[in-house]
Amino acid sequence: MFKIKKLLILILFGIFLLPLVSVAASYSNGTLLRASGGIKVYLINNNVKRWVSSLEVFAFNGFKWR
């Protein structure tokens, strides 16, 4: 149970408490971005670019690998 709580805290921290201060008004909510050659993926949410810090955060937001 402790591991689940810890994972949920990390997910919520990554989604809500660590937004990158970056205006992303030219992209729609839910857009995923990655710089050419980069490894970090970002999610646009309310005109803010947020780093998707793990596969768990990626899946938590309803995305799937194809």
PDB file of N, CA and C in Angstrom:
ATOM      1  N   MET A   1       0.826  -1.198   0.000  1.00  0.00           N
ATOM      2  CA  MET A   1       0.000   0.000   0.000  1.00  0.00           C
ATOM      3  C   MET A   1       0.872   1.264   0.000  1.00  0.00           C
ATOM      4  N   PHE A   2       1.981   1.214   0.751  1.00  0.00           N
ATOM      5  CA  PHE A   2       2.861   2.374   0.823  1.00  0.00           C
ATOM      6  C   PHE A   2       3.425   2.716  -0.548  1.00  0.00           C
ATOM      7  N   LYS A   3       3.787   1.683  -1.337  1.00  0.00           N
ATOM      8  CA  LYS A   3       4.350   1.929  -2.665  1.00  0.00           C
ATOM      9  C   LYS A   3       3.334   2.616  -3.574  1.00  0.00           C
ATOM     10  N   ILE A   4       2.076   2.224  -3.468  1.00  0.00           N
ATOM     11  CA  ILE A   4       1.027   2.846  -4.283  1.00  0.00           C
ATOM     12  C   ILE A   4       0.865   4.311  -3.903  1.00  0.00           C
ATOM     13  N   LYS A   5       0.844   4.597  -2.612  1.00  0.00           N
ATOM     14  CA  LYS A   5       0.725   5.990  -2.160  1.00  0.00           C
ATOM     15  C   LYS A   5       1.911   6.815  -2.641  1.00  0.00           C
ATOM     16  N   LYS A   6       3.092   6.239  -2.531  1.00  0.00           N
ATOM     17  CA  LYS A   6       4.300   6.944  -2.963  1.00  0.00           C
ATOM     18  C   LYS A   6       4.242   7.222  -4.463  1.00  0.00           C
ATOM     19  N   LEU A   7       3.806   6.240  -5.248  1.00  0.00           N
ATOM     20  CA  LEU A   7       3.685   6.413  -6.689  1.00  0.00           C
ATOM     21  C   LEU A   7       2.667   7.497  -7.023  1.00  0.00           C
ATOM     22  N   LEU A   8       1.524   7.480  -6.348  1.00  0.00           N
ATOM     23  CA  LEU A   8       0.505   8.505  -6.595  1.00  0.00           C
ATOM     24  C   LEU A   8       1.019   9.898  -6.251  1.00  0.00           C
ATOM     25  N   ILE A   9       1.750  10.005  -5.168  1.00  0.00           N
ATOM     26  CA  ILE A   9       2.319  11.300  -4.788  1.00  0.00           C
ATOM     27  C   ILE A   9       3.294  11.777  -5.861  1.00  0.00           C
ATOM     28  N   LEU A  10       4.138  10.884  -6.350  1.00  0.00           N
ATOM     29  CA  LEU A  10       5.089  11.262  -7.401  1.00  0.00           C
ATOM     30  C   LEU A  10       4.377  11.677  -8.681  1.00  0.00           C
ATOM     31  N   ILE A  11       3.323  10.959  -9.033  1.00  0.00           N
ATOM     32  CA  ILE A  11       2.562  11.303 -10.233  1.00  0.00           C
ATOM     33  C   ILE A  11       1.925  12.677 -10.079  1.00  0.00           C
ATOM     34  N   LEU A  12       1.251  12.896  -8.960  1.00  0.00           N
ATOM     35  CA  LEU A  12       0.602  14.190  -8.742  1.00  0.00           C
ATOM     36  C   LEU A  12       1.624  15.313  -8.682  1.00  0.00           C
ATOM     37  N   PHE A  13       2.758  15.065  -8.062  1.00  0.00           N
ATOM     38  CA  PHE A  13       3.816  16.066  -7.999  1.00  0.00           C
ATOM     39  C   PHE A  13       4.284  16.422  -9.402  1.00  0.00           C
ATOM     40  N   GLY A  14       4.497  15.398 -10.235  1.00  0.00           N
ATOM     41  CA  GLY A  14       4.952  15.628 -11.606  1.00  0.00           C
ATOM     42  C   GLY A  14       3.945  16.361 -12.459  1.00  0.00           C
ATOM     43  N   ILE A  15       2.660  16.112 -12.231  1.00  0.00           N
ATOM     44  CA  ILE A  15       1.623  16.732 -13.051  1.00  0.00           C
ATOM     45  C   ILE A  15       1.291  18.146 -12.597  1.00  0.00           C
ATOM     46  N   PHE A  16       1.102  18.325 -11.298  1.00  0.00           N
ATOM     47  CA  PHE A  16       0.551  19.585 -10.809  1.00  0.00           C
ATOM     48  C   PHE A  16       1.556  20.539 -10.169  1.00  0.00           C
ATOM     49  N   LEU A  17       2.613  20.024  -9.590  1.00  0.00           N
ATOM     50  CA  LEU A  17       3.491  20.896  -8.817  1.00  0.00           C
ATOM     51  C   LEU A  17       4.791  21.251  -9.512  1.00  0.00           C
ATOM     52  N   LEU A  18       5.070  20.633 -10.638  1.00  0.00           N
ATOM     53  CA  LEU A  18       6.307  20.947 -11.338  1.00  0.00           C
ATOM     54  C   LEU A  18       6.072  21.444 -12.761  1.00  0.00           C
ATOM     55  N   PRO A  19       5.113  22.344 -12.951  1.00  0.00           N
ATOM     56  CA  PRO A  19       4.924  22.841 -14.320  1.00  0.00           C
ATOM     57  C   PRO A  19       6.127  23.668 -14.741  1.00  0.00           C
ATOM     58  N   LEU A  20       6.532  23.481 -15.958  1.00  0.00           N
ATOM     59  CA  LEU A  20       7.594  24.316 -16.492  1.00  0.00           C
ATOM     60  C   LEU A  20       6.975  25.641 -16.869  1.00  0.00           C
ATOM     61  N   VAL A  21       7.608  26.709 -16.483  1.00  0.00           N
ATOM     62  CA  VAL A  21       7.065  28.031 -16.766  1.00  0.00           C
ATOM     63  C   VAL A  21       7.358  28.334 -18.226  1.00  0.00           C
ATOM     64  N   SER A  22       6.429  27.944 -19.038  1.00  0.00           N
ATOM     65  CA  SER A  22       6.589  28.097 -20.473  1.00  0.00           C
ATOM     66  C   SER A  22       5.223  28.292 -21.101  1.00  0.00           C
ATOM     67  N   VAL A  23       5.028  29.417 -21.738  1.00  0.00           N
ATOM     68  CA  VAL A  23       3.750  29.664 -22.395  1.00  0.00           C
ATOM     69  C   VAL A  23       3.692  28.831 -23.663  1.00  0.00           C
ATOM     70  N   ALA A  24       2.604  28.129 -23.815  1.00  0.00           N
ATOM     71  CA  ALA A  24       2.448  27.253 -24.975  1.00  0.00           C
ATOM     72  C   ALA A  24       1.102  27.521 -25.640  1.00  0.00           C
ATOM     73  N   ALA A  25       0.770  28.783 -25.790  1.00  0.00           N
ATOM     74  CA  ALA A  25      -0.551  29.178 -26.281  1.00  0.00           C
ATOM     75  C   ALA A  25      -0.830  28.712 -27.702  1.00  0.00           C
ATOM     76  N   SER A  26       0.193  28.421 -28.467  1.00  0.00           N
ATOM     77  CA  SER A  26      -0.038  28.031 -29.857  1.00  0.00           C
ATOM     78  C   SER A  26      -0.374  26.546 -30.004  1.00  0.00           C
ATOM     79  N   TYR A  27      -0.410  25.802 -28.894  1.00  0.00           N
ATOM     80  CA  TYR A  27      -0.727  24.376 -28.937  1.00  0.00           C
ATOM     81  C   TYR A  27      -2.015  24.096 -28.175  1.00  0.00           C
ATOM     82  N   SER A  28      -2.767  23.100 -28.622  1.00  0.00           N
ATOM     83  CA  SER A  28      -4.013  22.704 -27.964  1.00  0.00           C
ATOM     84  C   SER A  28      -3.721  21.898 -26.706  1.00  0.00           C
ATOM     85  N   ASN A  29      -4.650  21.938 -25.740  1.00  0.00           N
ATOM     86  CA  ASN A  29      -4.542  21.091 -24.557  1.00  0.00           C
ATOM     87  C   ASN A  29      -4.432  19.634 -24.980  1.00  0.00           C
ATOM     88  N   GLY A  30      -3.562  18.898 -24.307  1.00  0.00           N
ATOM     89  CA  GLY A  30      -3.386  17.485 -24.606  1.00  0.00           C
ATOM     90  C   GLY A  30      -2.322  17.195 -25.639  1.00  0.00           C
ATOM     91  N   THR A  31      -1.733  18.244 -26.226  1.00  0.00           N
ATOM     92  CA  THR A  31      -0.677  18.048 -27.216  1.00  0.00           C
ATOM     93  C   THR A  31       0.589  17.550 -26.530  1.00  0.00           C
ATOM     94  N   LEU A  32       1.247  16.569 -27.134  1.00  0.00           N
ATOM     95  CA  LEU A  32       2.538  16.091 -26.650  1.00  0.00           C
ATOM     96  C   LEU A  32       3.631  16.674 -27.532  1.00  0.00           C
ATOM     97  N   LEU A  33       4.700  17.162 -26.909  1.00  0.00           N
ATOM     98  CA  LEU A  33       5.812  17.770 -27.637  1.00  0.00           C
ATOM     99  C   LEU A  33       7.126  17.107 -27.240  1.00  0.00           C
ATOM    100  N   ARG A  34       8.032  17.030 -28.203  1.00  0.00           N
ATOM    101  CA  ARG A  34       9.391  16.568 -27.936  1.00  0.00           C
ATOM    102  C   ARG A  34      10.299  17.275 -28.921  1.00  0.00           C
ATOM    103  N   ALA A  35      11.393  17.809 -28.427  1.00  0.00           N
ATOM    104  CA  ALA A  35      12.349  18.489 -29.299  1.00  0.00           C
ATOM    105  C   ALA A  35      13.032  17.469 -30.196  1.00  0.00           C
ATOM    106  N   SER A  36      13.353  17.869 -31.395  1.00  0.00           N
ATOM    107  CA  SER A  36      14.063  16.996 -32.320  1.00  0.00           C
ATOM    108  C   SER A  36      15.371  16.547 -31.679  1.00  0.00           C
ATOM    109  N   GLY A  37      15.555  15.260 -31.558  1.00  0.00           N
ATOM    110  CA  GLY A  37      16.757  14.723 -30.935  1.00  0.00           C
ATOM    111  C   GLY A  37      16.694  14.675 -29.421  1.00  0.00           C
ATOM    112  N   GLY A  38      15.642  15.227 -28.833  1.00  0.00           N
ATOM    113  CA  GLY A  38      15.500  15.240 -27.379  1.00  0.00           C
ATOM    114  C   GLY A  38      14.848  13.974 -26.863  1.00  0.00           C
ATOM    115  N   ILE A  39      14.970  13.746 -25.562  1.00  0.00           N
ATOM    116  CA  ILE A  39      14.338  12.573 -24.965  1.00  0.00           C
ATOM    117  C   ILE A  39      13.167  12.941 -24.057  1.00  0.00           C
ATOM    118  N   LYS A  40      13.086  14.194 -23.635  1.00  0.00           N
ATOM    119  CA  LYS A  40      11.993  14.610 -22.759  1.00  0.00           C
ATOM    120  C   LYS A  40      10.733  14.883 -23.575  1.00  0.00           C
ATOM    121  N   VAL A  41       9.599  14.434 -23.023  1.00  0.00           N
ATOM    122  CA  VAL A  41       8.296  14.662 -23.639  1.00  0.00           C
ATOM    123  C   VAL A  41       7.529  15.609 -22.727  1.00  0.00           C
ATOM    124  N   TYR A  42       6.813  16.550 -23.343  1.00  0.00           N
ATOM    125  CA  TYR A  42       6.050  17.545 -22.600  1.00  0.00           C
ATOM    126  C   TYR A  42       4.584  17.471 -23.001  1.00  0.00           C
ATOM    127  N   LEU A  43       3.707  17.744 -22.041  1.00  0.00           N
ATOM    128  CA  LEU A  43       2.271  17.787 -22.255  1.00  0.00           C
ATOM    129  C   LEU A  43       1.809  19.226 -22.122  1.00  0.00           C
ATOM    130  N   ILE A  44       1.023  19.699 -23.086  1.00  0.00           N
ATOM    131  CA  ILE A  44       0.454  21.041 -22.994  1.00  0.00           C
ATOM    132  C   ILE A  44      -0.838  20.947 -22.205  1.00  0.00           C
ATOM    133  N   ASN A  45      -0.925  21.738 -21.138  1.00  0.00           N
ATOM    134  CA  ASN A  45      -2.101  21.749 -20.271  1.00  0.00           C
ATOM    135  C   ASN A  45      -2.370  23.183 -19.842  1.00  0.00           C
ATOM    136  N   ASN A  46      -3.497  23.745 -20.277  1.00  0.00           N
ATOM    137  CA  ASN A  46      -3.860  25.131 -19.946  1.00  0.00           C
ATOM    138  C   ASN A  46      -2.754  26.113 -20.315  1.00  0.00           C
ATOM    139  N   ASN A  47      -2.240  25.975 -21.525  1.00  0.00           N
ATOM    140  CA  ASN A  47      -1.195  26.854 -22.060  1.00  0.00           C
ATOM    141  C   ASN A  47       0.117  26.792 -21.291  1.00  0.00           C
ATOM    142  N   VAL A  48       0.340  25.692 -20.580  1.00  0.00           N
ATOM    143  CA  VAL A  48       1.595  25.487 -19.859  1.00  0.00           C
ATOM    144  C   VAL A  48       2.201  24.176 -20.341  1.00  0.00           C
ATOM    145  N   LYS A  49       3.495  24.197 -20.595  1.00  0.00           N
ATOM    146  CA  LYS A  49       4.223  23.000 -21.008  1.00  0.00           C
ATOM    147  C   LYS A  49       4.712  22.292 -19.753  1.00  0.00           C
ATOM    148  N   ARG A  50       4.267  21.036 -19.571  1.00  0.00           N
ATOM    149  CA  ARG A  50       4.644  20.264 -18.386  1.00  0.00           C
ATOM    150  C   ARG A  50       5.423  19.021 -18.816  1.00  0.00           C
ATOM    151  N   TRP A  51       6.518  18.769 -18.137  1.00  0.00           N
ATOM    152  CA  TRP A  51       7.344  17.613 -18.442  1.00  0.00           C
ATOM    153  C   TRP A  51       6.630  16.339 -18.012  1.00  0.00           C
ATOM    154  N   VAL A  52       6.552  15.365 -18.897  1.00  0.00           N
ATOM    155  CA  VAL A  52       6.018  14.042 -18.571  1.00  0.00           C
ATOM    156  C   VAL A  52       7.218  13.240 -18.072  1.00  0.00           C
ATOM    157  N   SER A  53       7.341  13.159 -16.759  1.00  0.00           N
ATOM    158  CA  SER A  53       8.578  12.677 -16.139  1.00  0.00           C
ATOM    159  C   SER A  53       8.747  11.163 -16.100  1.00  0.00           C
ATOM    160  N   SER A  54       7.690  10.408 -16.399  1.00  0.00           N
ATOM    161  CA  SER A  54       7.809   8.951 -16.348  1.00  0.00           C
ATOM    162  C   SER A  54       6.722   8.296 -17.193  1.00  0.00           C
ATOM    163  N   LEU A  55       6.877   7.002 -17.421  1.00  0.00           N
ATOM    164  CA  LEU A  55       5.847   6.247 -18.139  1.00  0.00           C
ATOM    165  C   LEU A  55       4.550   6.204 -17.342  1.00  0.00           C
ATOM    166  N   GLU A  56       4.664   6.211 -16.013  1.00  0.00           N
ATOM    167  CA  GLU A  56       3.471   6.201 -15.167  1.00  0.00           C
ATOM    168  C   GLU A  56       2.662   7.477 -15.358  1.00  0.00           C
ATOM    169  N   VAL A  57       3.336   8.606 -15.434  1.00  0.00           N
ATOM    170  CA  VAL A  57       2.653   9.884 -15.666  1.00  0.00           C
ATOM    171  C   VAL A  57       2.025   9.882 -17.057  1.00  0.00           C
ATOM    172  N   PHE A  58       2.739   9.349 -18.025  1.00  0.00           N
ATOM    173  CA  PHE A  58       2.243   9.243 -19.396  1.00  0.00           C
ATOM    174  C   PHE A  58       0.942   8.437 -19.417  1.00  0.00           C
ATOM    175  N   ALA A  59       0.952   7.265 -18.794  1.00  0.00           N
ATOM    176  CA  ALA A  59      -0.228   6.396 -18.760  1.00  0.00           C
ATOM    177  C   ALA A  59      -1.350   7.011 -17.933  1.00  0.00           C
ATOM    178  N   PHE A  60      -1.004   7.675 -16.834  1.00  0.00           N
ATOM    179  CA  PHE A  60      -1.998   8.314 -15.969  1.00  0.00           C
ATOM    180  C   PHE A  60      -2.811   9.346 -16.741  1.00  0.00           C
ATOM    181  N   ASN A  61      -2.199   9.988 -17.711  1.00  0.00           N
ATOM    182  CA  ASN A  61      -2.882  10.993 -18.526  1.00  0.00           C
ATOM    183  C   ASN A  61      -3.653  10.376 -19.694  1.00  0.00           C
ATOM    184  N   GLY A  62      -3.711   9.055 -19.746  1.00  0.00           N
ATOM    185  CA  GLY A  62      -4.517   8.370 -20.749  1.00  0.00           C
ATOM    186  C   GLY A  62      -3.829   8.111 -22.074  1.00  0.00           C
ATOM    187  N   PHE A  63      -2.518   8.311 -22.139  1.00  0.00           N
ATOM    188  CA  PHE A  63      -1.792   8.063 -23.380  1.00  0.00           C
ATOM    189  C   PHE A  63      -1.329   6.616 -23.437  1.00  0.00           C
ATOM    190  N   LYS A  64      -1.171   6.097 -24.658  1.00  0.00           N
ATOM    191  CA  LYS A  64      -0.718   4.719 -24.854  1.00  0.00           C
ATOM    192  C   LYS A  64       0.346   4.695 -25.936  1.00  0.00           C
ATOM    193  N   TRP A  65       1.325   3.786 -25.778  1.00  0.00           N
ATOM    194  CA  TRP A  65       2.334   3.576 -26.815  1.00  0.00           C
ATOM    195  C   TRP A  65       1.699   2.778 -27.936  1.00  0.00           C
ATOM    196  N   ARG A  66       2.001   3.119 -29.164  1.00  0.00           N
ATOM    197  CA  ARG A  66       1.461   2.373 -30.312  1.00  0.00           C
ATOM    198  C   ARG A  66       2.561   1.647 -31.014  1.00  0.00           C
TER     199      ARG A  66
END
